[in-house]
Amino acid sequence: ALLMYYRQIRVHNYQWWWTTFAAGASSGIYIFLLSMSWLLFKSESHISGGTMILYTFWFAFTSLGVGLMTGFAGVASVVWFNKSLYSFIMHTQQTL
């Protein structure tokens, strides 16, 4: 998330919220794709349709929750980094 923030600020694009959220939330997408690959390639072939639908919705819900949590953590870490960097710069300018 910090690398996405740096990339956005470097090109003077100050709408970095969604890119840092997406960088953090990508772990939820990874979990969902990993669970679907297990369902398609590693599970036994005698799984019923209801079980498959229930499995898909359960992991979609879980992956959404993980994505929201890690996306929030990514944005919060960038906000904390931005605040500490700004306070450090202001503190060094006041001492000069």
PDB file of N, CA and C in Angstrom:
ATOM      1  N   ALA A   1       0.823  -1.184   0.000  1.00  0.00           N
ATOM      2  CA  ALA A   1       0.000   0.000   0.000  1.00  0.00           C
ATOM      3  C   ALA A   1       0.870   1.251   0.000  1.00  0.00           C
ATOM      4  N   LEU A   2       1.981   1.200   0.710  1.00  0.00           N
ATOM      5  CA  LEU A   2       2.868   2.358   0.725  1.00  0.00           C
ATOM      6  C   LEU A   2       3.503   2.593  -0.637  1.00  0.00           C
ATOM      7  N   LEU A   3       3.801   1.538  -1.343  1.00  0.00           N
ATOM      8  CA  LEU A   3       4.361   1.710  -2.679  1.00  0.00           C
ATOM      9  C   LEU A   3       3.329   2.306  -3.637  1.00  0.00           C
ATOM     10  N   MET A   4       2.079   1.906  -3.538  1.00  0.00           N
ATOM     11  CA  MET A   4       1.037   2.490  -4.365  1.00  0.00           C
ATOM     12  C   MET A   4       0.834   3.963  -4.009  1.00  0.00           C
ATOM     13  N   TYR A   5       0.920   4.289  -2.733  1.00  0.00           N
ATOM     14  CA  TYR A   5       0.816   5.676  -2.296  1.00  0.00           C
ATOM     15  C   TYR A   5       1.949   6.503  -2.880  1.00  0.00           C
ATOM     16  N   TYR A   6       3.158   5.993  -2.794  1.00  0.00           N
ATOM     17  CA  TYR A   6       4.309   6.716  -3.328  1.00  0.00           C
ATOM     18  C   TYR A   6       4.168   6.923  -4.835  1.00  0.00           C
ATOM     19  N   ARG A   7       3.684   5.904  -5.530  1.00  0.00           N
ATOM     20  CA  ARG A   7       3.508   6.009  -6.975  1.00  0.00           C
ATOM     21  C   ARG A   7       2.465   7.070  -7.329  1.00  0.00           C
ATOM     22  N   GLN A   8       1.384   7.133  -6.579  1.00  0.00           N
ATOM     23  CA  GLN A   8       0.339   8.111  -6.843  1.00  0.00           C
ATOM     24  C   GLN A   8       0.810   9.531  -6.529  1.00  0.00           C
ATOM     25  N   ILE A   9       1.516   9.710  -5.435  1.00  0.00           N
ATOM     26  CA  ILE A   9       1.975  11.039  -5.048  1.00  0.00           C
ATOM     27  C   ILE A   9       3.070  11.530  -5.994  1.00  0.00           C
ATOM     28  N   ARG A  10       3.866  10.618  -6.483  1.00  0.00           N
ATOM     29  CA  ARG A  10       4.954  11.001  -7.382  1.00  0.00           C
ATOM     30  C   ARG A  10       4.442  11.623  -8.679  1.00  0.00           C
ATOM     31  N   VAL A  11       3.311  11.179  -9.182  1.00  0.00           N
ATOM     32  CA  VAL A  11       2.735  11.742 -10.408  1.00  0.00           C
ATOM     33  C   VAL A  11       1.705  12.832 -10.083  1.00  0.00           C
ATOM     34  N   HIS A  12       1.703  13.316  -8.842  1.00  0.00           N
ATOM     35  CA  HIS A  12       0.828  14.388  -8.376  1.00  0.00           C
ATOM     36  C   HIS A  12      -0.651  14.025  -8.491  1.00  0.00           C
ATOM     37  N   ASN A  13      -0.962  12.775  -8.252  1.00  0.00           N
ATOM     38  CA  ASN A  13      -2.345  12.326  -8.168  1.00  0.00           C
ATOM     39  C   ASN A  13      -2.656  12.123  -6.687  1.00  0.00           C
ATOM     40  N   TYR A  14      -3.406  13.035  -6.116  1.00  0.00           N
ATOM     41  CA  TYR A  14      -3.647  12.999  -4.684  1.00  0.00           C
ATOM     42  C   TYR A  14      -4.905  12.227  -4.308  1.00  0.00           C
ATOM     43  N   GLN A  15      -5.464  11.465  -5.209  1.00  0.00           N
ATOM     44  CA  GLN A  15      -6.593  10.586  -4.911  1.00  0.00           C
ATOM     45  C   GLN A  15      -6.069   9.152  -4.751  1.00  0.00           C
ATOM     46  N   TRP A  16      -5.295   8.954  -3.707  1.00  0.00           N
ATOM     47  CA  TRP A  16      -4.601   7.691  -3.490  1.00  0.00           C
ATOM     48  C   TRP A  16      -5.403   6.726  -2.632  1.00  0.00           C
ATOM     49  N   TRP A  17      -6.567   7.124  -2.164  1.00  0.00           N
ATOM     50  CA  TRP A  17      -7.321   6.294  -1.232  1.00  0.00           C
ATOM     51  C   TRP A  17      -7.691   4.948  -1.830  1.00  0.00           C
ATOM     52  N   TRP A  18      -8.237   4.961  -3.036  1.00  0.00           N
ATOM     53  CA  TRP A  18      -8.741   3.716  -3.616  1.00  0.00           C
ATOM     54  C   TRP A  18      -7.617   2.797  -4.069  1.00  0.00           C
ATOM     55  N   THR A  19      -6.515   3.359  -4.513  1.00  0.00           N
ATOM     56  CA  THR A  19      -5.414   2.475  -4.924  1.00  0.00           C
ATOM     57  C   THR A  19      -4.781   1.790  -3.724  1.00  0.00           C
ATOM     58  N   THR A  20      -4.651   2.494  -2.607  1.00  0.00           N
ATOM     59  CA  THR A  20      -4.108   1.832  -1.422  1.00  0.00           C
ATOM     60  C   THR A  20      -5.110   0.843  -0.831  1.00  0.00           C
ATOM     61  N   PHE A  21      -6.398   1.161  -0.910  1.00  0.00           N
ATOM     62  CA  PHE A  21      -7.405   0.204  -0.455  1.00  0.00           C
ATOM     63  C   PHE A  21      -7.373  -1.052  -1.320  1.00  0.00           C
ATOM     64  N   ALA A  22      -7.256  -0.882  -2.634  1.00  0.00           N
ATOM     65  CA  ALA A  22      -7.217  -2.035  -3.543  1.00  0.00           C
ATOM     66  C   ALA A  22      -5.960  -2.868  -3.315  1.00  0.00           C
ATOM     67  N   ALA A  23      -4.852  -2.224  -3.007  1.00  0.00           N
ATOM     68  CA  ALA A  23      -3.623  -2.971  -2.734  1.00  0.00           C
ATOM     69  C   ALA A  23      -3.777  -3.825  -1.483  1.00  0.00           C
ATOM     70  N   GLY A  24      -4.421  -3.285  -0.465  1.00  0.00           N
ATOM     71  CA  GLY A  24      -4.658  -4.066   0.746  1.00  0.00           C
ATOM     72  C   GLY A  24      -5.715  -5.134   0.559  1.00  0.00           C
ATOM     73  N   ALA A  25      -6.776  -4.810  -0.173  1.00  0.00           N
ATOM     74  CA  ALA A  25      -7.897  -5.734  -0.345  1.00  0.00           C
ATOM     75  C   ALA A  25      -7.604  -6.846  -1.338  1.00  0.00           C
ATOM     76  N   SER A  26      -6.491  -6.779  -2.018  1.00  0.00           N
ATOM     77  CA  SER A  26      -6.170  -7.829  -2.988  1.00  0.00           C
ATOM     78  C   SER A  26      -5.969  -9.187  -2.317  1.00  0.00           C
ATOM     79  N   SER A  27      -5.695  -9.199  -1.022  1.00  0.00           N
ATOM     80  CA  SER A  27      -5.566 -10.483  -0.327  1.00  0.00           C
ATOM     81  C   SER A  27      -6.916 -11.197  -0.262  1.00  0.00           C
ATOM     82  N   GLY A  28      -8.008 -10.460  -0.175  1.00  0.00           N
ATOM     83  CA  GLY A  28      -9.335 -11.078  -0.202  1.00  0.00           C
ATOM     84  C   GLY A  28      -9.624 -11.720  -1.548  1.00  0.00           C
ATOM     85  N   ILE A  29      -9.210 -11.058  -2.615  1.00  0.00           N
ATOM     86  CA  ILE A  29      -9.370 -11.634  -3.952  1.00  0.00           C
ATOM     87  C   ILE A  29      -8.534 -12.902  -4.086  1.00  0.00           C
ATOM     88  N   TYR A  30      -7.327 -12.867  -3.537  1.00  0.00           N
ATOM     89  CA  TYR A  30      -6.462 -14.044  -3.582  1.00  0.00           C
ATOM     90  C   TYR A  30      -7.086 -15.216  -2.822  1.00  0.00           C
ATOM     91  N   ILE A  31      -7.658 -14.961  -1.667  1.00  0.00           N
ATOM     92  CA  ILE A  31      -8.287 -16.025  -0.882  1.00  0.00           C
ATOM     93  C   ILE A  31      -9.465 -16.619  -1.648  1.00  0.00           C
ATOM     94  N   PHE A  32     -10.277 -15.774  -2.274  1.00  0.00           N
ATOM     95  CA  PHE A  32     -11.422 -16.271  -3.034  1.00  0.00           C
ATOM     96  C   PHE A  32     -10.964 -17.112  -4.215  1.00  0.00           C
ATOM     97  N   LEU A  33      -9.975 -16.651  -4.964  1.00  0.00           N
ATOM     98  CA  LEU A  33      -9.482 -17.422  -6.108  1.00  0.00           C
ATOM     99  C   LEU A  33      -8.839 -18.734  -5.673  1.00  0.00           C
ATOM    100  N   LEU A  34      -8.150 -18.713  -4.542  1.00  0.00           N
ATOM    101  CA  LEU A  34      -7.548 -19.938  -4.026  1.00  0.00           C
ATOM    102  C   LEU A  34      -8.615 -20.948  -3.613  1.00  0.00           C
ATOM    103  N   SER A  35      -9.672 -20.486  -2.980  1.00  0.00           N
ATOM    104  CA  SER A  35     -10.737 -21.406  -2.572  1.00  0.00           C
ATOM    105  C   SER A  35     -11.487 -21.952  -3.783  1.00  0.00           C
ATOM    106  N   MET A  36     -11.684 -21.120  -4.799  1.00  0.00           N
ATOM    107  CA  MET A  36     -12.361 -21.603  -6.004  1.00  0.00           C
ATOM    108  C   MET A  36     -11.482 -22.591  -6.783  1.00  0.00           C
ATOM    109  N   SER A  37     -10.175 -22.372  -6.776  1.00  0.00           N
ATOM    110  CA  SER A  37      -9.298 -23.338  -7.450  1.00  0.00           C
ATOM    111  C   SER A  37      -9.306 -24.674  -6.714  1.00  0.00           C
ATOM    112  N   TRP A  38      -9.394 -24.627  -5.381  1.00  0.00           N
ATOM    113  CA  TRP A  38      -9.492 -25.891  -4.651  1.00  0.00           C
ATOM    114  C   TRP A  38     -10.802 -26.582  -4.997  1.00  0.00           C
ATOM    115  N   LEU A  39     -11.889 -25.817  -5.083  1.00  0.00           N
ATOM    116  CA  LEU A  39     -13.186 -26.404  -5.386  1.00  0.00           C
ATOM    117  C   LEU A  39     -13.185 -27.055  -6.765  1.00  0.00           C
ATOM    118  N   LEU A  40     -12.550 -26.413  -7.722  1.00  0.00           N
ATOM    119  CA  LEU A  40     -12.570 -26.935  -9.089  1.00  0.00           C
ATOM    120  C   LEU A  40     -11.576 -28.063  -9.333  1.00  0.00           C
ATOM    121  N   PHE A  41     -10.403 -27.991  -8.713  1.00  0.00           N
ATOM    122  CA  PHE A  41      -9.342 -28.934  -9.078  1.00  0.00           C
ATOM    123  C   PHE A  41      -9.000 -29.968  -8.017  1.00  0.00           C
ATOM    124  N   LYS A  42      -9.210 -29.668  -6.751  1.00  0.00           N
ATOM    125  CA  LYS A  42      -8.763 -30.577  -5.699  1.00  0.00           C
ATOM    126  C   LYS A  42      -9.891 -31.304  -4.979  1.00  0.00           C
ATOM    127  N   SER A  43     -11.112 -30.832  -5.122  1.00  0.00           N
ATOM    128  CA  SER A  43     -12.202 -31.477  -4.387  1.00  0.00           C
ATOM    129  C   SER A  43     -12.604 -32.776  -5.080  1.00  0.00           C
ATOM    130  N   GLU A  44     -13.311 -33.577  -4.334  1.00  0.00           N
ATOM    131  CA  GLU A  44     -13.792 -34.832  -4.902  1.00  0.00           C
ATOM    132  C   GLU A  44     -14.936 -34.554  -5.857  1.00  0.00           C
ATOM    133  N   SER A  45     -15.145 -35.417  -6.799  1.00  0.00           N
ATOM    134  CA  SER A  45     -16.116 -35.154  -7.862  1.00  0.00           C
ATOM    135  C   SER A  45     -17.567 -35.395  -7.429  1.00  0.00           C
ATOM    136  N   HIS A  46     -17.811 -35.939  -6.258  1.00  0.00           N
ATOM    137  CA  HIS A  46     -19.186 -36.232  -5.853  1.00  0.00           C
ATOM    138  C   HIS A  46     -19.793 -35.149  -4.948  1.00  0.00           C
ATOM    139  N   ILE A  47     -19.376 -33.906  -5.102  1.00  0.00           N
ATOM    140  CA  ILE A  47     -19.961 -32.803  -4.335  1.00  0.00           C
ATOM    141  C   ILE A  47     -21.273 -32.394  -5.003  1.00  0.00           C
ATOM    142  N   SER A  48     -22.308 -32.237  -4.207  1.00  0.00           N
ATOM    143  CA  SER A  48     -23.610 -31.873  -4.761  1.00  0.00           C
ATOM    144  C   SER A  48     -23.630 -30.392  -5.146  1.00  0.00           C
ATOM    145  N   GLY A  49     -24.626 -30.019  -5.927  1.00  0.00           N
ATOM    146  CA  GLY A  49     -24.734 -28.638  -6.380  1.00  0.00           C
ATOM    147  C   GLY A  49     -25.013 -27.667  -5.247  1.00  0.00           C
ATOM    148  N   GLY A  50     -25.832 -28.096  -4.288  1.00  0.00           N
ATOM    149  CA  GLY A  50     -26.129 -27.244  -3.137  1.00  0.00           C
ATOM    150  C   GLY A  50     -24.902 -26.982  -2.291  1.00  0.00           C
ATOM    151  N   THR A  51     -24.097 -28.018  -2.090  1.00  0.00           N
ATOM    152  CA  THR A  51     -22.867 -27.853  -1.323  1.00  0.00           C
ATOM    153  C   THR A  51     -21.902 -26.926  -2.052  1.00  0.00           C
ATOM    154  N   MET A  52     -21.839 -27.044  -3.368  1.00  0.00           N
ATOM    155  CA  MET A  52     -20.954 -26.195  -4.153  1.00  0.00           C
ATOM    156  C   MET A  52     -21.390 -24.727  -4.078  1.00  0.00           C
ATOM    157  N   ILE A  53     -22.694 -24.482  -4.144  1.00  0.00           N
ATOM    158  CA  ILE A  53     -23.205 -23.108  -4.044  1.00  0.00           C
ATOM    159  C   ILE A  53     -22.962 -22.549  -2.642  1.00  0.00           C
ATOM    160  N   LEU A  54     -23.221 -23.364  -1.633  1.00  0.00           N
ATOM    161  CA  LEU A  54     -22.987 -22.936  -0.261  1.00  0.00           C
ATOM    162  C   LEU A  54     -21.514 -22.628  -0.032  1.00  0.00           C
ATOM    163  N   TYR A  55     -20.625 -23.464  -0.540  1.00  0.00           N
ATOM    164  CA  TYR A  55     -19.180 -23.257  -0.422  1.00  0.00           C
ATOM    165  C   TYR A  55     -18.774 -21.952  -1.114  1.00  0.00           C
ATOM    166  N   THR A  56     -19.331 -21.708  -2.297  1.00  0.00           N
ATOM    167  CA  THR A  56     -18.973 -20.506  -3.052  1.00  0.00           C
ATOM    168  C   THR A  56     -19.431 -19.250  -2.316  1.00  0.00           C
ATOM    169  N   PHE A  57     -20.673 -19.236  -1.839  1.00  0.00           N
ATOM    170  CA  PHE A  57     -21.166 -18.058  -1.128  1.00  0.00           C
ATOM    171  C   PHE A  57     -20.449 -17.844   0.195  1.00  0.00           C
ATOM    172  N   TRP A  58     -20.139 -18.927   0.898  1.00  0.00           N
ATOM    173  CA  TRP A  58     -19.434 -18.798   2.166  1.00  0.00           C
ATOM    174  C   TRP A  58     -18.056 -18.189   1.963  1.00  0.00           C
ATOM    175  N   PHE A  59     -17.320 -18.673   0.987  1.00  0.00           N
ATOM    176  CA  PHE A  59     -15.984 -18.119   0.765  1.00  0.00           C
ATOM    177  C   PHE A  59     -16.024 -16.749   0.108  1.00  0.00           C
ATOM    178  N   ALA A  60     -17.070 -16.436  -0.647  1.00  0.00           N
ATOM    179  CA  ALA A  60     -17.212 -15.079  -1.165  1.00  0.00           C
ATOM    180  C   ALA A  60     -17.427 -14.104  -0.007  1.00  0.00           C
ATOM    181  N   PHE A  61     -18.267 -14.481   0.940  1.00  0.00           N
ATOM    182  CA  PHE A  61     -18.520 -13.651   2.110  1.00  0.00           C
ATOM    183  C   PHE A  61     -17.262 -13.510   2.971  1.00  0.00           C
ATOM    184  N   THR A  62     -16.564 -14.607   3.191  1.00  0.00           N
ATOM    185  CA  THR A  62     -15.330 -14.575   3.983  1.00  0.00           C
ATOM    186  C   THR A  62     -14.251 -13.749   3.291  1.00  0.00           C
ATOM    187  N   SER A  63     -14.121 -13.917   1.991  1.00  0.00           N
ATOM    188  CA  SER A  63     -13.124 -13.159   1.246  1.00  0.00           C
ATOM    189  C   SER A  63     -13.448 -11.673   1.231  1.00  0.00           C
ATOM    190  N   LEU A  64     -14.722 -11.332   1.161  1.00  0.00           N
ATOM    191  CA  LEU A  64     -15.125  -9.936   1.237  1.00  0.00           C
ATOM    192  C   LEU A  64     -14.743  -9.342   2.590  1.00  0.00           C
ATOM    193  N   GLY A  65     -14.982 -10.084   3.653  1.00  0.00           N
ATOM    194  CA  GLY A  65     -14.608  -9.612   4.985  1.00  0.00           C
ATOM    195  C   GLY A  65     -13.112  -9.421   5.129  1.00  0.00           C
ATOM    196  N   VAL A  66     -12.339 -10.384   4.653  1.00  0.00           N
ATOM    197  CA  VAL A  66     -10.882 -10.270   4.714  1.00  0.00           C
ATOM    198  C   VAL A  66     -10.405  -9.103   3.860  1.00  0.00           C
ATOM    199  N   GLY A  67     -10.999  -8.938   2.677  1.00  0.00           N
ATOM    200  CA  GLY A  67     -10.625  -7.834   1.802  1.00  0.00           C
ATOM    201  C   GLY A  67     -10.921  -6.479   2.421  1.00  0.00           C
ATOM    202  N   LEU A  68     -12.065  -6.348   3.072  1.00  0.00           N
ATOM    203  CA  LEU A  68     -12.397  -5.084   3.731  1.00  0.00           C
ATOM    204  C   LEU A  68     -11.456  -4.798   4.897  1.00  0.00           C
ATOM    205  N   MET A  69     -11.135  -5.832   5.667  1.00  0.00           N
ATOM    206  CA  MET A  69     -10.223  -5.626   6.800  1.00  0.00           C
ATOM    207  C   MET A  69      -8.824  -5.239   6.342  1.00  0.00           C
ATOM    208  N   THR A  70      -8.298  -5.957   5.372  1.00  0.00           N
ATOM    209  CA  THR A  70      -6.936  -5.657   4.929  1.00  0.00           C
ATOM    210  C   THR A  70      -6.888  -4.371   4.115  1.00  0.00           C
ATOM    211  N   GLY A  71      -7.955  -4.040   3.405  1.00  0.00           N
ATOM    212  CA  GLY A  71      -8.013  -2.762   2.711  1.00  0.00           C
ATOM    213  C   GLY A  71      -8.013  -1.598   3.687  1.00  0.00           C
ATOM    214  N   PHE A  72      -8.783  -1.736   4.762  1.00  0.00           N
ATOM    215  CA  PHE A  72      -8.782  -0.709   5.806  1.00  0.00           C
ATOM    216  C   PHE A  72      -7.410  -0.603   6.452  1.00  0.00           C
ATOM    217  N   ALA A  73      -6.765  -1.736   6.692  1.00  0.00           N
ATOM    218  CA  ALA A  73      -5.430  -1.697   7.294  1.00  0.00           C
ATOM    219  C   ALA A  73      -4.434  -1.004   6.361  1.00  0.00           C
ATOM    220  N   GLY A  74      -4.564  -1.221   5.058  1.00  0.00           N
ATOM    221  CA  GLY A  74      -3.679  -0.553   4.101  1.00  0.00           C
ATOM    222  C   GLY A  74      -3.877   0.947   4.102  1.00  0.00           C
ATOM    223  N   VAL A  75      -5.128   1.395   4.090  1.00  0.00           N
ATOM    224  CA  VAL A  75      -5.401   2.835   4.104  1.00  0.00           C
ATOM    225  C   VAL A  75      -4.971   3.446   5.434  1.00  0.00           C
ATOM    226  N   ALA A  76      -5.242   2.768   6.537  1.00  0.00           N
ATOM    227  CA  ALA A  76      -4.860   3.292   7.847  1.00  0.00           C
ATOM    228  C   ALA A  76      -3.352   3.396   7.988  1.00  0.00           C
ATOM    229  N   SER A  77      -2.616   2.435   7.453  1.00  0.00           N
ATOM    230  CA  SER A  77      -1.158   2.513   7.549  1.00  0.00           C
ATOM    231  C   SER A  77      -0.608   3.655   6.704  1.00  0.00           C
ATOM    232  N   VAL A  78      -1.206   3.899   5.545  1.00  0.00           N
ATOM    233  CA  VAL A  78      -0.751   5.013   4.716  1.00  0.00           C
ATOM    234  C   VAL A  78      -1.108   6.352   5.359  1.00  0.00           C
ATOM    235  N   VAL A  79      -2.277   6.447   5.979  1.00  0.00           N
ATOM    236  CA  VAL A  79      -2.644   7.686   6.678  1.00  0.00           C
ATOM    237  C   VAL A  79      -1.680   7.931   7.835  1.00  0.00           C
ATOM    238  N   TRP A  80      -1.366   6.897   8.585  1.00  0.00           N
ATOM    239  CA  TRP A  80      -0.406   7.037   9.685  1.00  0.00           C
ATOM    240  C   TRP A  80       0.967   7.433   9.154  1.00  0.00           C
ATOM    241  N   PHE A  81       1.409   6.806   8.058  1.00  0.00           N
ATOM    242  CA  PHE A  81       2.704   7.139   7.459  1.00  0.00           C
ATOM    243  C   PHE A  81       2.711   8.585   6.975  1.00  0.00           C
ATOM    244  N   ASN A  82       1.644   9.011   6.329  1.00  0.00           N
ATOM    245  CA  ASN A  82       1.552  10.370   5.814  1.00  0.00           C
ATOM    246  C   ASN A  82       1.575  11.384   6.961  1.00  0.00           C
ATOM    247  N   LYS A  83       0.861  11.087   8.014  1.00  0.00           N
ATOM    248  CA  LYS A  83       0.825  11.989   9.161  1.00  0.00           C
ATOM    249  C   LYS A  83       2.180  12.077   9.847  1.00  0.00           C
ATOM    250  N   SER A  84       2.839  10.948  10.034  1.00  0.00           N
ATOM    251  CA  SER A  84       4.149  10.970  10.691  1.00  0.00           C
ATOM    252  C   SER A  84       5.203  11.625   9.800  1.00  0.00           C
ATOM    253  N   LEU A  85       5.127  11.419   8.501  1.00  0.00           N
ATOM    254  CA  LEU A  85       6.077  12.059   7.589  1.00  0.00           C
ATOM    255  C   LEU A  85       5.879  13.574   7.578  1.00  0.00           C
ATOM    256  N   TYR A  86       4.623  14.001   7.538  1.00  0.00           N
ATOM    257  CA  TYR A  86       4.332  15.430   7.544  1.00  0.00           C
ATOM    258  C   TYR A  86       4.764  16.077   8.849  1.00  0.00           C
ATOM    259  N   SER A  87       4.527  15.417   9.970  1.00  0.00           N
ATOM    260  CA  SER A  87       4.944  15.994  11.257  1.00  0.00           C
ATOM    261  C   SER A  87       6.464  16.025  11.368  1.00  0.00           C
ATOM    262  N   PHE A  88       7.154  15.043  10.814  1.00  0.00           N
ATOM    263  CA  PHE A  88       8.618  15.053  10.827  1.00  0.00           C
ATOM    264  C   PHE A  88       9.153  16.215   9.995  1.00  0.00           C
ATOM    265  N   ILE A  89       8.571  16.437   8.829  1.00  0.00           N
ATOM    266  CA  ILE A  89       9.018  17.535   7.967  1.00  0.00           C
ATOM    267  C   ILE A  89       8.746  18.879   8.632  1.00  0.00           C
ATOM    268  N   MET A  90       7.579  19.023   9.229  1.00  0.00           N
ATOM    269  CA  MET A  90       7.254  20.288   9.900  1.00  0.00           C
ATOM    270  C   MET A  90       8.155  20.516  11.110  1.00  0.00           C
ATOM    271  N   HIS A  91       8.493  19.458  11.825  1.00  0.00           N
ATOM    272  CA  HIS A  91       9.364  19.590  12.983  1.00  0.00           C
ATOM    273  C   HIS A  91      10.776  19.996  12.564  1.00  0.00           C
ATOM    274  N   THR A  92      11.285  19.410  11.477  1.00  0.00           N
ATOM    275  CA  THR A  92      12.644  19.772  11.024  1.00  0.00           C
ATOM    276  C   THR A  92      12.675  21.178  10.448  1.00  0.00           C
ATOM    277  N   GLN A  93      11.583  21.650   9.847  1.00  0.00           N
ATOM    278  CA  GLN A  93      11.560  23.017   9.325  1.00  0.00           C
ATOM    279  C   GLN A  93      11.485  24.038  10.454  1.00  0.00           C
ATOM    280  N   GLN A  94      10.849  23.684  11.559  1.00  0.00           N
ATOM    281  CA  GLN A  94      10.746  24.622  12.665  1.00  0.00           C
ATOM    282  C   GLN A  94      12.070  24.758  13.405  1.00  0.00           C
ATOM    283  N   THR A  95      12.885  23.707  13.392  1.00  0.00           N
ATOM    284  CA  THR A  95      14.163  23.776  14.084  1.00  0.00           C
ATOM    285  C   THR A  95      15.222  24.513  13.272  1.00  0.00           C
ATOM    286  N   LEU A  96      14.999  24.664  11.971  1.00  0.00           N
ATOM    287  CA  LEU A  96      15.967  25.382  11.143  1.00  0.00           C
ATOM    288  C   LEU A  96      15.750  26.820  11.262  1.00  0.00           C
TER     289      LEU A  96
END
